[in-house]
Protein backbone atom coordinates (compact mmCIF):
# COMPACT_ATOMS: atom_id res chain seq x y z
CA UNK A 1 -0.17 -0.38 0.11
CA UNK A 2 1.11 3.61 -0.96
CA UNK A 3 2.03 5.56 2.00
CA UNK A 4 2.69 9.29 2.74
CA UNK A 5 5.86 11.25 2.37
CA UNK A 6 4.36 13.65 5.21
CA UNK A 7 7.51 14.69 7.11
CA UNK A 8 9.62 13.67 4.11
CA UNK A 9 12.11 16.65 2.39
CA UNK A 10 14.11 15.05 -0.73
CA UNK A 11 17.52 16.39 0.39
CA UNK A 12 19.29 15.59 -2.95
CA UNK A 13 18.85 14.54 -6.22
CA UNK A 14 20.36 11.00 -7.30
CA UNK A 15 23.42 12.37 -8.57
CA UNK A 16 23.22 15.75 -6.70
CA UNK A 17 25.16 13.17 -3.87
CA UNK A 18 28.54 12.82 -4.43
CA UNK A 19 31.68 12.60 -2.34
CA UNK A 20 31.76 15.35 -0.42
CA UNK A 21 28.35 14.05 1.31
CA UNK A 22 30.16 10.53 2.45
CA UNK A 23 29.33 10.34 6.84
CA UNK A 24 26.06 12.58 5.70
CA UNK A 25 22.09 11.70 5.86
CA UNK A 26 20.14 12.74 2.72
CA UNK A 27 16.73 12.12 1.36
CA UNK A 28 16.08 10.92 -2.04
CA UNK A 29 13.20 9.84 -3.82
CA UNK A 30 13.27 8.48 -6.79
CA UNK A 31 12.05 5.44 -9.54
CA UNK A 32 13.02 1.86 -8.88
CA UNK A 33 15.55 0.78 -11.74
CA UNK A 34 16.01 -2.60 -10.63
CA UNK A 35 16.95 -4.88 -7.35
CA UNK A 36 19.11 -7.09 -6.26
CA UNK A 37 18.58 -9.17 -3.51
CA UNK A 38 21.80 -10.89 -2.55
CA UNK A 39 20.15 -12.52 1.14
CA UNK A 40 21.75 -10.63 4.15
CA UNK A 41 22.31 -7.60 1.41
CA UNK A 42 19.48 -6.01 -1.04
CA UNK A 43 20.66 -3.36 -3.55
CA UNK A 44 18.53 -0.89 -5.20
CA UNK A 45 19.12 1.36 -8.05
CA UNK A 46 17.40 4.38 -7.62
CA UNK A 47 16.59 6.48 -10.89
CA UNK A 48 15.56 10.23 -11.36
CA UNK A 49 15.89 12.95 -13.83
CA UNK A 50 19.36 12.90 -12.51
CA UNK A 51 20.34 9.78 -13.17
CA UNK A 52 21.41 6.17 -11.01
CA UNK A 53 22.05 6.20 -7.47
CA UNK A 54 22.47 3.63 -5.70
CA UNK A 55 21.32 1.95 -2.23
CA UNK A 56 21.81 -0.89 0.11
CA UNK A 57 19.47 -1.86 2.59
CA UNK A 58 20.62 -4.17 5.80
CA UNK A 59 18.65 -5.65 7.94
CA UNK A 60 21.13 -3.81 10.89
CA UNK A 61 20.37 -0.66 9.36
CA UNK A 62 17.18 -0.48 8.18
CA UNK A 63 15.30 -3.13 10.81
CA UNK A 64 13.55 -6.16 9.75
CA UNK A 65 9.96 -4.57 8.79
CA UNK A 66 11.84 -2.40 6.40
CA UNK A 67 14.39 -4.92 4.89
CA UNK A 68 11.42 -7.27 4.39
CA UNK A 69 9.37 -3.89 2.64
CA UNK A 70 12.83 -3.78 0.56
CA UNK A 71 12.62 -6.85 -0.42
CA UNK A 72 9.03 -6.49 -2.42
CA UNK A 73 10.17 -3.73 -4.20
CA UNK A 74 9.68 -3.90 -8.32
CA UNK A 75 10.62 -1.84 -11.54
CA UNK A 76 9.26 1.63 -11.14
CA UNK A 77 7.71 2.07 -7.55
CA UNK A 78 8.08 5.25 -6.59
CA UNK A 79 10.19 5.20 -2.98
CA UNK A 80 11.06 8.06 -0.81
CA UNK A 81 14.95 6.75 1.40
CA UNK A 82 16.96 8.11 3.92
CA UNK A 83 20.27 6.52 4.70
CA UNK A 84 24.35 7.24 5.20
CA UNK A 85 26.44 8.29 2.39
CA UNK A 86 29.97 6.50 1.91
CA UNK A 87 32.22 5.12 -0.01
CA UNK A 88 31.32 1.92 -2.58
CA UNK A 89 31.89 -1.83 -0.60
CA UNK A 90 31.92 -3.23 -3.57
CA UNK A 91 33.18 -2.39 -7.13
CA UNK A 92 33.39 1.28 -8.51
CA UNK A 93 31.31 1.48 -11.40
CA UNK A 94 33.16 3.60 -14.07
CA UNK A 95 29.97 3.96 -16.09
CA UNK A 96 27.53 5.83 -12.64
CA UNK A 97 28.23 9.68 -12.49
CA UNK A 98 27.43 8.26 -8.84
CA UNK A 99 29.62 5.26 -9.10
CA UNK A 100 31.55 5.56 -6.19
CA UNK A 101 29.17 5.97 -3.70
CA UNK A 102 26.06 4.44 -2.24
CA UNK A 103 23.46 5.29 0.52
CA UNK A 104 23.42 2.32 3.35
CA UNK A 105 18.77 3.01 4.43
CA UNK A 106 18.46 3.85 7.21
CA UNK A 107 14.18 4.19 6.34
CA UNK A 108 11.95 3.94 3.19
CA UNK A 109 8.46 4.59 2.23
CA UNK A 110 7.08 2.76 -1.13
CA UNK A 111 4.84 6.17 -1.94
CA UNK A 112 3.75 4.33 -5.07
CA UNK A 113 4.06 0.83 -6.16
CA UNK A 114 3.53 0.15 -10.45
CA UNK A 115 2.41 -2.56 -12.54
CA UNK A 116 5.06 -3.92 -15.04
CA UNK A 117 5.87 -1.96 -17.52
CA UNK A 118 4.93 -3.27 -20.86
CA UNK A 119 8.10 -2.31 -21.76
CA UNK A 120 11.57 -1.45 -20.01
CA UNK A 121 12.90 1.59 -19.21
CA UNK A 122 16.68 2.18 -20.30
CA UNK A 123 18.23 4.07 -22.57
CA UNK A 124 18.22 3.55 -26.61
CA UNK A 125 14.94 1.28 -26.25
CA UNK A 126 14.21 -0.67 -29.57
CA UNK A 127 10.97 -1.39 -28.47
CA UNK A 128 8.67 -0.19 -31.59
CA UNK A 129 7.47 3.05 -31.86
CA UNK A 130 4.14 2.97 -31.59
CA UNK A 131 4.27 1.23 -28.01
CA UNK A 132 6.45 3.60 -27.03
CA UNK A 133 4.43 6.60 -27.98
CA UNK A 134 1.12 4.51 -26.48
CA UNK A 135 2.77 4.62 -22.96
CA UNK A 136 4.58 8.09 -23.50
CA UNK A 137 5.07 8.61 -19.94
CA UNK A 138 7.03 5.81 -19.42
CA UNK A 139 8.83 6.47 -22.24
CA UNK A 140 9.32 9.48 -20.80
CA UNK A 141 11.28 7.70 -18.39
CA UNK A 142 13.99 6.83 -19.92
CA UNK A 143 17.57 8.67 -19.35
CA UNK A 144 18.25 9.26 -22.82
CA UNK A 145 14.86 11.04 -23.56
CA UNK A 146 14.87 12.95 -20.28
CA UNK A 147 18.34 14.79 -21.47
CA UNK A 148 16.96 15.38 -24.73
CA UNK A 149 14.21 17.58 -23.02
CA UNK A 150 16.52 19.25 -20.55
CA UNK A 151 18.55 20.43 -23.13
CA UNK A 152 16.00 21.92 -25.20
CA UNK A 153 14.70 23.75 -21.95
CA UNK A 154 18.41 24.65 -21.66
CA UNK A 155 18.45 25.97 -25.36
CA UNK A 156 14.77 27.81 -24.42
CA UNK A 157 16.71 29.29 -21.30
CA UNK A 158 20.09 30.84 -23.56
CA UNK A 159 18.07 31.89 -26.29
CA UNK A 160 15.79 33.66 -24.00
CA UNK A 161 18.77 34.77 -22.18
CA UNK A 162 20.60 35.76 -25.00
CA UNK A 163 17.96 37.86 -26.73
CA UNK A 164 16.99 40.12 -23.50
CA UNK A 165 20.87 41.00 -23.25
CA UNK A 166 20.65 42.19 -26.74
CA UNK A 167 17.26 44.23 -26.51
CA UNK A 168 14.38 42.16 -27.87
CA UNK A 169 11.16 42.12 -25.93
CA UNK A 170 9.55 38.84 -25.61
CA UNK A 171 5.99 38.93 -26.12
CA UNK A 172 3.49 37.42 -27.09
CA UNK A 173 0.94 37.09 -30.02
CA UNK A 174 -2.67 35.29 -30.50
CA UNK A 175 -2.91 31.53 -31.09
CA UNK A 176 -6.51 32.42 -32.52
CA UNK A 177 -5.95 34.02 -35.38
CA UNK A 178 -7.52 34.74 -39.29
CA UNK A 179 -7.11 32.45 -41.64
CA UNK A 180 -4.54 33.07 -44.78
CA UNK A 181 -5.03 30.02 -46.37
CA UNK A 182 -1.20 31.06 -48.81
CA UNK A 183 1.24 28.42 -47.23
CA UNK A 184 0.21 24.96 -45.73
CA UNK A 185 -2.86 24.46 -44.24
CA UNK A 186 -4.74 26.13 -41.47
CA UNK A 187 -6.29 24.24 -38.61
CA UNK A 188 -9.63 26.01 -38.11
CA UNK A 189 -11.61 26.40 -34.94
CA UNK A 190 -15.47 27.24 -34.91
CA UNK A 191 -16.39 30.29 -33.36
CA UNK A 192 -19.18 29.50 -31.09
CA UNK A 193 -20.54 33.15 -30.56
CA UNK A 194 -20.08 33.63 -34.47
CA UNK A 195 -22.20 30.78 -35.84
CA UNK A 196 -19.60 29.97 -39.61
CA UNK A 197 -16.96 31.45 -38.53
CA UNK A 198 -13.49 30.44 -37.93
CA UNK A 199 -9.85 31.37 -36.38
CA UNK A 200 -6.93 29.47 -37.44
CA UNK A 201 -4.31 28.28 -35.89
CA UNK A 202 -1.06 30.47 -36.45
CA UNK A 203 1.35 28.96 -39.41
CA UNK A 204 3.50 31.52 -37.91
CA UNK A 205 3.53 34.72 -36.25
CA UNK A 206 4.10 36.43 -39.20
CA UNK A 207 1.78 38.94 -39.62
CA UNK A 208 1.79 40.25 -35.99
CA UNK A 209 5.47 40.98 -35.73
CA UNK A 210 5.60 42.82 -38.79
CA UNK A 211 2.61 45.06 -36.71
CA UNK A 212 4.78 44.96 -33.71
CA UNK A 213 7.61 46.84 -35.63
CA UNK A 214 4.92 49.46 -36.89
CA UNK A 215 4.49 49.52 -33.38
CA UNK A 216 7.33 51.03 -32.39
CA UNK A 217 8.93 47.57 -30.52
CA UNK A 218 11.69 47.85 -32.26
CA UNK A 219 12.94 44.27 -31.09
CA UNK A 220 10.72 41.48 -30.54
CA UNK A 221 11.12 38.02 -29.93
CA UNK A 222 9.21 34.26 -28.86
CA UNK A 223 8.80 31.10 -27.95
CA UNK A 224 6.24 30.33 -30.38
CA UNK A 225 3.90 27.38 -30.82
CA UNK A 226 3.22 27.22 -35.14
CA UNK A 227 0.77 24.28 -36.57
CA UNK A 228 0.09 23.54 -39.67
CA UNK A 229 -2.11 20.78 -41.71
CA UNK A 230 0.48 19.16 -43.51
CA UNK A 231 1.86 15.58 -44.00
CA UNK A 232 4.96 14.66 -41.70
CA UNK A 233 8.07 13.34 -41.83
CA UNK A 234 10.90 13.30 -39.45
CA UNK A 235 11.93 16.26 -39.01
CA UNK A 236 7.83 17.96 -39.17
CA UNK A 237 5.19 17.77 -36.87
CA UNK A 238 1.64 19.34 -36.91
CA UNK A 239 2.40 21.92 -34.18
CA UNK A 240 6.26 23.21 -33.72
CA UNK A 241 8.08 25.34 -31.61
CA UNK A 242 9.86 28.38 -33.07
CA UNK A 243 12.37 31.12 -31.78
CA UNK A 244 10.61 33.92 -33.61
CA UNK A 245 12.67 37.45 -33.88
CA UNK A 246 11.93 40.90 -35.91
CA UNK A 247 13.61 43.84 -35.81
CA UNK A 248 12.98 47.27 -36.62
CA UNK A 249 15.91 49.96 -38.59
CA UNK A 250 18.51 47.40 -39.93
CA UNK A 251 19.20 45.73 -42.96
CA UNK A 252 20.16 41.73 -43.94
CA UNK A 253 23.38 42.11 -42.36
CA UNK A 254 22.09 43.37 -38.99
CA UNK A 255 19.97 40.59 -38.61
CA UNK A 256 22.65 38.17 -39.40
CA UNK A 257 24.81 39.73 -37.74
CA UNK A 258 23.01 39.01 -34.47
CA UNK A 259 21.98 35.37 -35.25
CA UNK A 260 25.50 34.54 -36.21
CA UNK A 261 26.32 35.34 -32.33
CA UNK A 262 22.82 34.16 -30.77
CA UNK A 263 24.14 30.57 -33.13
CA UNK A 264 27.87 30.98 -31.23
CA UNK A 265 26.52 31.22 -27.83
CA UNK A 266 23.70 28.94 -27.96
CA UNK A 267 25.69 26.10 -29.38
CA UNK A 268 28.90 26.62 -26.47
CA UNK A 269 26.62 27.01 -23.59
CA UNK A 270 24.65 24.17 -24.29
CA UNK A 271 26.40 21.31 -26.07
CA UNK A 272 30.36 23.17 -25.70
CA UNK A 273 30.48 23.15 -29.70
CA UNK A 274 32.30 26.20 -30.54
CA UNK A 275 31.10 27.86 -33.98
CA UNK A 276 33.94 29.94 -35.80
CA UNK A 277 32.44 33.52 -37.06
CA UNK A 278 31.05 34.62 -39.57
CA UNK A 279 29.26 31.82 -41.21
CA UNK A 280 29.85 30.38 -44.37
CA UNK A 281 27.36 32.28 -47.01
CA UNK A 282 26.20 30.28 -50.39
CA UNK A 283 23.73 32.18 -53.55
CA UNK A 284 20.66 29.42 -53.53
CA UNK A 285 21.81 28.92 -57.19
CA UNK A 286 24.80 27.95 -55.98
CA UNK A 287 23.67 25.82 -53.45
CA UNK A 288 20.99 23.92 -55.87
CA UNK A 289 23.96 23.81 -59.03
CA UNK A 290 26.25 22.27 -56.40
CA UNK A 291 24.29 20.76 -54.31
CA UNK A 292 21.21 20.22 -55.83
CA UNK A 293 19.31 21.48 -53.16
CA UNK A 294 18.24 24.46 -50.96
CA UNK A 295 19.38 23.43 -47.51
CA UNK A 296 23.04 21.37 -48.54
CA UNK A 297 24.90 19.33 -46.29
CA UNK A 298 28.33 20.34 -46.41
CA UNK A 299 30.07 17.65 -44.57
CA UNK A 300 31.26 15.83 -47.90
CA UNK A 301 31.36 16.60 -51.57
CA UNK A 302 30.14 14.58 -53.88
CA UNK A 303 29.12 17.34 -55.97
CA UNK A 304 26.53 18.03 -58.91
CA UNK A 305 28.54 18.56 -62.15
CA UNK A 306 26.80 20.09 -65.11
CA UNK A 307 27.69 18.36 -68.11
CA UNK A 308 25.19 19.79 -70.69
CA UNK A 309 27.80 20.78 -73.06
CA UNK A 310 29.48 17.91 -73.31
CA UNK A 311 26.70 15.89 -74.33
CA UNK A 312 24.93 18.06 -76.41
CA UNK A 313 26.11 16.31 -79.64
CA UNK A 314 25.89 12.55 -78.38
CA UNK A 315 23.60 10.50 -79.94
CA UNK A 316 21.99 9.76 -76.31
CA UNK A 317 18.19 11.06 -76.60
CA UNK A 318 17.81 10.40 -72.98
CA UNK A 319 20.76 13.44 -72.89
CA UNK A 320 19.93 15.84 -75.91
CA UNK A 321 16.05 15.77 -75.53
CA UNK A 322 15.87 16.87 -72.32
CA UNK A 323 18.33 19.74 -73.20
CA UNK A 324 16.01 20.46 -76.47
CA UNK A 325 13.13 20.76 -74.08
CA UNK A 326 15.40 23.57 -72.03
CA UNK A 327 16.70 21.49 -69.48
CA UNK A 328 20.10 19.84 -67.81
CA UNK A 329 22.06 16.80 -68.12
CA UNK A 330 23.62 16.51 -64.86
CA UNK A 331 25.79 13.85 -62.52
CA UNK A 332 27.07 13.03 -59.03
CA UNK A 333 30.52 10.36 -59.01
CA UNK A 334 29.63 8.22 -55.55
CA UNK A 335 33.84 7.73 -55.94
CA UNK A 336 35.30 3.84 -55.06
CA UNK A 337 31.77 2.00 -56.37
CA UNK A 338 31.81 1.47 -59.14
CA UNK A 339 31.88 -2.27 -58.56
CA UNK A 340 28.20 -1.57 -57.26
CA UNK A 341 26.13 -5.02 -58.03
CA UNK A 342 23.63 -4.33 -61.14
CA UNK A 343 21.00 -5.13 -58.15
CA UNK A 344 21.31 -2.11 -56.03
CA UNK A 345 22.15 -0.02 -59.10
CA UNK A 346 18.46 -0.90 -60.02
CA UNK A 347 17.36 0.06 -56.37
CA UNK A 348 18.66 3.73 -57.11
CA UNK A 349 16.97 3.95 -60.30
CA UNK A 350 13.97 2.81 -58.71
CA UNK A 351 14.67 5.83 -55.94
CA UNK A 352 15.50 8.61 -58.63
CA UNK A 353 11.70 8.30 -59.56
CA UNK A 354 10.24 8.49 -56.52
CA UNK A 355 11.83 11.75 -57.16
CA UNK A 356 10.49 12.51 -60.05
CA UNK A 357 12.85 11.01 -62.26
CA UNK A 358 12.02 8.61 -65.52
CA UNK A 359 15.17 7.04 -65.22
CA UNK A 360 19.26 7.40 -63.72
CA UNK A 361 21.93 6.82 -66.46
CA UNK A 362 24.45 5.19 -64.99
CA UNK A 363 28.32 4.60 -65.88
CA UNK A 364 31.07 2.81 -63.81
CA UNK A 365 34.56 3.34 -64.37
CA UNK A 366 35.94 -0.57 -64.10
CA UNK A 367 39.84 -0.51 -62.52
CA UNK A 368 41.03 -1.05 -65.83
CA UNK A 369 39.60 2.13 -67.28
CA UNK A 370 36.98 0.19 -69.22
CA UNK A 371 33.38 1.40 -69.20
CA UNK A 372 30.27 -0.43 -67.93
CA UNK A 373 27.06 1.94 -68.75
CA UNK A 374 23.23 2.10 -69.61
CA UNK A 375 24.34 4.24 -72.64
CA UNK A 376 27.47 3.52 -73.25
CA UNK A 377 26.89 1.82 -77.22
CA UNK A 378 25.02 5.67 -77.75
CA UNK A 379 27.78 7.21 -77.51
CA UNK A 380 31.41 7.10 -79.30
CA UNK A 381 34.27 6.43 -77.42
CA UNK A 382 35.96 10.56 -76.93
CA UNK A 383 32.22 11.25 -76.21
CA UNK A 384 32.68 8.95 -72.85
CA UNK A 385 36.08 9.72 -72.40
CA UNK A 386 35.11 13.58 -72.24
CA UNK A 387 31.68 12.72 -69.96
CA UNK A 388 34.41 10.58 -67.55
CA UNK A 389 36.70 13.62 -67.83
CA UNK A 390 34.08 16.04 -67.00
CA UNK A 391 33.24 13.99 -63.96
CA UNK A 392 36.43 13.55 -62.73
CA UNK A 393 35.78 9.78 -63.39
CA UNK A 394 38.87 7.89 -62.03
CA UNK A 395 39.32 3.61 -61.79
CA UNK A 396 36.75 2.17 -59.23
CA UNK A 397 33.98 4.89 -59.51
CA UNK A 398 30.47 5.13 -60.33
CA UNK A 399 28.83 8.21 -62.15
CA UNK A 400 24.90 8.56 -61.97
CA UNK A 401 22.79 10.83 -64.07
CA UNK A 402 19.55 12.48 -64.71
CA UNK A 403 18.68 14.31 -66.94
CA UNK A 404 15.46 16.48 -67.36
CA UNK A 405 13.99 20.22 -66.19
CA UNK A 406 16.36 21.26 -63.72
CA UNK A 407 14.35 21.14 -61.12
CA UNK A 408 13.77 17.62 -61.32
CA UNK A 409 17.34 17.07 -61.86
CA UNK A 410 18.34 18.91 -58.76
CA UNK A 411 15.74 17.05 -56.40
CA UNK A 412 16.85 13.72 -58.27
CA UNK A 413 20.54 13.89 -58.02
CA UNK A 414 19.35 16.17 -54.49
CA UNK A 415 18.29 13.21 -52.91
CA UNK A 416 21.02 10.83 -54.26
CA UNK A 417 24.18 12.62 -53.08
CA UNK A 418 22.61 12.39 -49.26
CA UNK A 419 21.15 8.53 -49.62
CA UNK A 420 24.52 7.45 -51.12
CA UNK A 421 26.36 10.23 -48.26
CA UNK A 422 24.81 8.03 -45.57
CA UNK A 423 25.33 4.71 -46.66
CA UNK A 424 29.09 5.35 -47.53
CA UNK A 425 28.87 7.23 -43.61
CA UNK A 426 30.25 10.56 -45.37
CA UNK A 427 28.19 12.76 -42.51
CA UNK A 428 29.80 12.39 -39.04
CA UNK A 429 27.76 13.50 -36.92
CA UNK A 430 29.58 15.58 -34.60
CA UNK A 431 30.75 18.00 -37.40
CA UNK A 432 28.50 20.82 -37.18
CA UNK A 433 28.39 22.80 -40.86
CA UNK A 434 26.55 25.76 -41.05
CA UNK A 435 25.67 28.00 -43.49
CA UNK A 436 23.52 31.16 -44.67
CA UNK A 437 21.97 29.82 -48.07
CA UNK A 438 21.18 33.33 -49.69
CA UNK A 439 19.39 35.31 -52.79
CA UNK A 440 16.34 33.15 -53.28
CA UNK A 441 14.30 33.80 -56.11
CA UNK A 442 11.32 35.97 -54.85
CA UNK A 443 8.90 34.38 -56.82
CA UNK A 444 8.54 30.44 -57.73
CA UNK A 445 5.88 29.53 -60.82
CA UNK A 446 3.44 27.03 -60.03
CA UNK A 447 1.75 24.29 -62.68
CA UNK A 448 -1.16 23.78 -60.30
CA UNK A 449 -2.05 27.68 -60.07
CA UNK A 450 -0.82 28.66 -63.74
CA UNK A 451 0.68 31.67 -62.12
CA UNK A 452 3.74 32.69 -59.71
CA UNK A 453 3.63 32.15 -55.92
CA UNK A 454 5.68 33.91 -53.29
CA UNK A 455 8.66 31.55 -52.43
CA UNK A 456 8.76 32.79 -48.43
CA UNK A 457 5.63 35.23 -48.23
CA UNK A 458 4.01 38.08 -50.17
CA UNK A 459 6.23 41.15 -47.62
CA UNK A 460 9.83 39.81 -48.64
CA UNK A 461 11.54 41.94 -49.87
CA UNK A 462 12.43 42.39 -53.32
CA UNK A 463 16.70 42.92 -54.41
CA UNK A 464 16.73 46.78 -55.52
CA UNK A 465 18.78 45.72 -58.76
CA UNK A 466 16.56 42.81 -60.00
CA UNK A 467 13.18 44.30 -58.95
CA UNK A 468 12.94 46.39 -62.31
CA UNK A 469 12.58 43.19 -64.27
CA UNK A 470 9.29 42.09 -62.09
CA UNK A 471 7.47 42.98 -65.70
CA UNK A 472 9.53 41.26 -68.00
CA UNK A 473 11.04 37.68 -66.22
CA UNK A 474 10.11 37.64 -62.95
CA UNK A 475 11.41 34.43 -62.09
CA UNK A 476 14.56 36.22 -62.40
CA UNK A 477 14.10 38.50 -59.09
CA UNK A 478 15.81 37.68 -56.12
CA UNK A 479 14.47 38.02 -52.80
CA UNK A 480 16.41 39.73 -49.72
CA UNK A 481 16.11 36.18 -48.23
CA UNK A 482 18.22 33.93 -45.89
CA UNK A 483 17.76 30.28 -44.44
CA UNK A 484 20.34 29.42 -41.52
CA UNK A 485 21.01 25.23 -42.79
CA UNK A 486 22.81 22.82 -40.42
CA UNK A 487 24.01 19.93 -42.18
CA UNK A 488 21.62 19.24 -44.30
CA UNK A 489 18.35 20.91 -42.13
CA UNK A 490 17.03 23.92 -42.83
CA UNK A 491 17.16 25.39 -39.23
CA UNK A 492 15.45 28.64 -39.41
CA UNK A 493 14.52 31.45 -42.60
CA UNK A 494 13.54 34.77 -42.77
CA UNK A 495 14.05 37.97 -44.66
CA UNK A 496 14.01 41.36 -45.15
CA UNK A 497 10.28 42.87 -45.20
CA UNK A 498 8.46 45.17 -47.28
CA UNK A 499 7.41 48.73 -46.48
CA UNK A 500 7.04 50.61 -49.07
CA UNK A 501 3.54 50.52 -50.17
CA UNK A 502 4.40 50.65 -53.79
CA UNK A 503 6.54 47.90 -53.72
CA UNK A 504 4.00 45.96 -51.83
CA UNK A 505 1.20 46.33 -54.64
CA UNK A 506 3.19 45.89 -57.22
CA UNK A 507 3.99 42.73 -55.24
CA UNK A 508 0.20 41.52 -55.23
CA UNK A 509 0.06 42.78 -58.68
CA UNK A 510 2.57 40.31 -59.96
CA UNK A 511 0.67 36.95 -57.84
CA UNK A 512 -2.18 37.92 -58.85
CA UNK A 513 -3.79 39.51 -55.96
CA UNK A 514 -6.43 42.24 -57.00
CA UNK A 515 -6.63 45.16 -54.29
CA UNK A 516 -9.83 44.00 -53.19
CA UNK A 517 -8.73 40.71 -52.33
CA UNK A 518 -5.40 41.92 -50.61
CA UNK A 519 -7.47 44.66 -48.61
CA UNK A 520 -9.92 41.26 -47.99
CA UNK A 521 -6.74 38.90 -46.71
CA UNK A 522 -4.24 41.57 -45.20
CA UNK A 523 -6.00 44.78 -44.60
CA UNK A 524 -5.11 45.49 -41.18
CA UNK A 525 -1.17 44.82 -41.90
CA UNK A 526 -1.67 47.24 -45.14
CA UNK A 527 -4.04 49.44 -42.96
CA UNK A 528 -0.93 49.63 -39.80
CA UNK A 529 1.89 50.10 -42.72
CA UNK A 530 -0.14 53.77 -43.63
CA UNK A 531 0.08 55.04 -40.68
CA UNK A 532 3.84 54.68 -40.40
CA UNK A 533 6.13 51.72 -40.22
CA UNK A 534 9.95 51.23 -40.08
CA UNK A 535 12.47 49.04 -42.69
CA UNK A 536 12.39 45.78 -40.46
CA UNK A 537 13.73 42.23 -41.05
CA UNK A 538 13.48 39.03 -39.17
CA UNK A 539 13.87 35.58 -39.14
CA UNK A 540 12.36 31.97 -37.40
CA UNK A 541 14.14 29.66 -36.77
CA UNK A 542 12.81 25.74 -35.72
CA UNK A 543 13.82 24.78 -31.88
CA UNK A 544 12.86 21.38 -32.35
CA UNK A 545 15.01 20.68 -35.41
CA UNK A 546 18.10 22.72 -33.65
CA UNK A 547 17.41 20.36 -30.85
CA UNK A 548 17.43 17.15 -32.87
CA UNK A 549 20.58 17.90 -34.37
CA UNK A 550 22.26 18.96 -30.99
CA UNK A 551 21.32 15.41 -29.63
CA UNK A 552 21.96 13.67 -33.43
CA UNK A 553 18.54 12.20 -32.98
CA UNK A 554 17.37 10.65 -35.84
CA UNK A 555 13.78 12.25 -35.98
CA UNK A 556 12.23 15.34 -33.30
CA UNK A 557 9.88 13.40 -32.02
CA UNK A 558 12.83 12.08 -29.30
CA UNK A 559 12.93 16.14 -28.12
CA UNK A 560 8.86 16.16 -27.71
CA UNK A 561 7.41 15.60 -25.03
CA UNK A 562 4.46 14.80 -26.42
CA UNK A 563 4.63 13.82 -30.05
CA UNK A 564 2.23 13.31 -33.19
CA UNK A 565 2.92 10.40 -35.32
CA UNK A 566 2.80 10.85 -39.19
CA UNK A 567 -0.93 10.84 -39.49
CA UNK A 568 -1.04 13.34 -37.06
CA UNK A 569 -2.35 11.63 -34.38
CA UNK A 570 -1.54 11.29 -30.83
CA UNK A 571 -1.04 6.98 -29.95
CA UNK A 572 -1.47 8.26 -26.32
CA UNK A 573 -4.59 10.07 -25.91
CA UNK A 574 -6.34 8.81 -28.81
CA UNK A 575 -6.30 12.27 -30.63
CA UNK A 576 -7.83 13.19 -32.76
CA UNK A 577 -11.25 12.16 -31.80
CA UNK A 578 -14.99 12.45 -32.06
CA UNK A 579 -16.92 14.96 -30.24
CA UNK A 580 -19.96 15.44 -28.18
CA UNK A 581 -23.33 15.55 -30.79
CA UNK A 582 -24.32 18.64 -28.49
CA UNK A 583 -21.03 20.60 -28.57
CA UNK A 584 -20.87 20.16 -32.53
CA UNK A 585 -24.80 21.49 -32.49
CA UNK A 586 -23.96 24.43 -30.30
CA UNK A 587 -21.25 25.14 -32.89
CA UNK A 588 -23.36 24.41 -35.41
CA UNK A 589 -21.61 21.98 -37.50
CA UNK A 590 -22.56 18.65 -38.97
CA UNK A 591 -20.03 15.56 -39.34
CA UNK A 592 -21.20 13.68 -43.37
CA UNK A 593 -19.85 10.53 -42.66
CA UNK A 594 -18.02 9.51 -45.86
CA UNK A 595 -18.90 7.10 -48.36
CA UNK A 596 -17.25 3.72 -47.99
CA UNK A 597 -15.84 4.15 -51.56
CA UNK A 598 -14.37 7.78 -51.10
CA UNK A 599 -13.07 6.72 -48.14
CA UNK A 600 -11.03 4.22 -49.48
């Protein structure tokens, strides 16, 4: 039966007990990790969020009743123990922070009993994710998950500390907002007092933080909860945390400077990693041409090579037809993999098709200098030699080529490069390669919408020297936008904002947004700007992604206390779920059952 802790007060967490406490009485509380009964002695490993402490139960010290009670302890029982700290009588455990001491128990209270858990509470659990997430409250007891969340807490504290010292004000913006369905899908919240009307949960505090600049708050910062109804992946959740900021009377250099110093401070204080400043920068076009990605992982080479000029007159129609259609032919050199079995190459072809390729051309440079290729019969020996030379191919190398529109070629080879880099162990997890990607296109063409869309958002400032081309060549206009990338992950992004009426009006026109539509969607922001708005710029980090890299986790679920799974559901609380009819009636909502064939 569970006992009260009345009269007891915890004096130390488990690993706060040390050699300096030898001979002292302490009171510790936590969970039983394991119990070992040696007959005359019972050893218990006590666990709390700080770590493990060994307790020793000896009948002479705790009495017969206490000793018998200790014999009933099982894993995950919650206990309180008073005792005296002493040097370990048995072998020292080098793997534990408290490995050279133990506590000789003089009293024991069982504060809570526990059923046998569905999986063992241990580091690096091999239990299926579905089970761990169903019992997330148990999974959260695992020491590695606890360390992740404690580090996350420290990172947020360090960010707040740095930003406060830099003169930023922490201001909260609304969670119930107006829907602005320009980007990802909104999560909608029905209004009871305004039947038929809806709030949206914020995808970011973008418009509110710009309003704060118009209101004169100069430097704003917020740890903001954001929501996006989009398909999930390893580094994406439907609700996530942003470290969000906006600054007035600044240009891009000011924003990059404060953020470089922020990153240097946080990474040094949180995980003792020294970041060398200034961080390297790379224009978007260069990133796409060299890495096939606007968030390149620069820890390894295997860069893309444009061989369009080399193959433009060859007899291989896959290459030439792609060039005639305005595309390109590019390749990567997977060094030392020329002997890759055909079966594995075929799998790479299928992988490439998943990224939009019609196929994947390959050429193996054999050790004797001859070639094995999917297209050699269509090209002369001179053409093949020129192609291999352009790819810096050596005996033993595997050359992979994609031919299509630039966007598809970049996607395919960029993904293949990462896949091969991971398989060949070229990504050192202890190497932190930061990179600013700059000069993004202001606009990108959408085949679905049959119009240009803002690559970031409609309030991003164009580069002054490009703006004159907005009518004749909108796709060539670059934005004063910047992303901070770490090891192939976009940690955050931002831009200088438009604050001039004429540029904003023209931007809406280019995006096909009429004055009436702009006023309907963004009227409150445009009205605010008509009363005097300073030049301003900002940036937001994905906190979950940043911490994921710090702890070398494979997924952001391991750095979020209560995450969702791939279909955006919570296995522990069985959410989302149906609600009572009365609630729906009060909101004026009717749920229409899906027909079986529709559901399929």
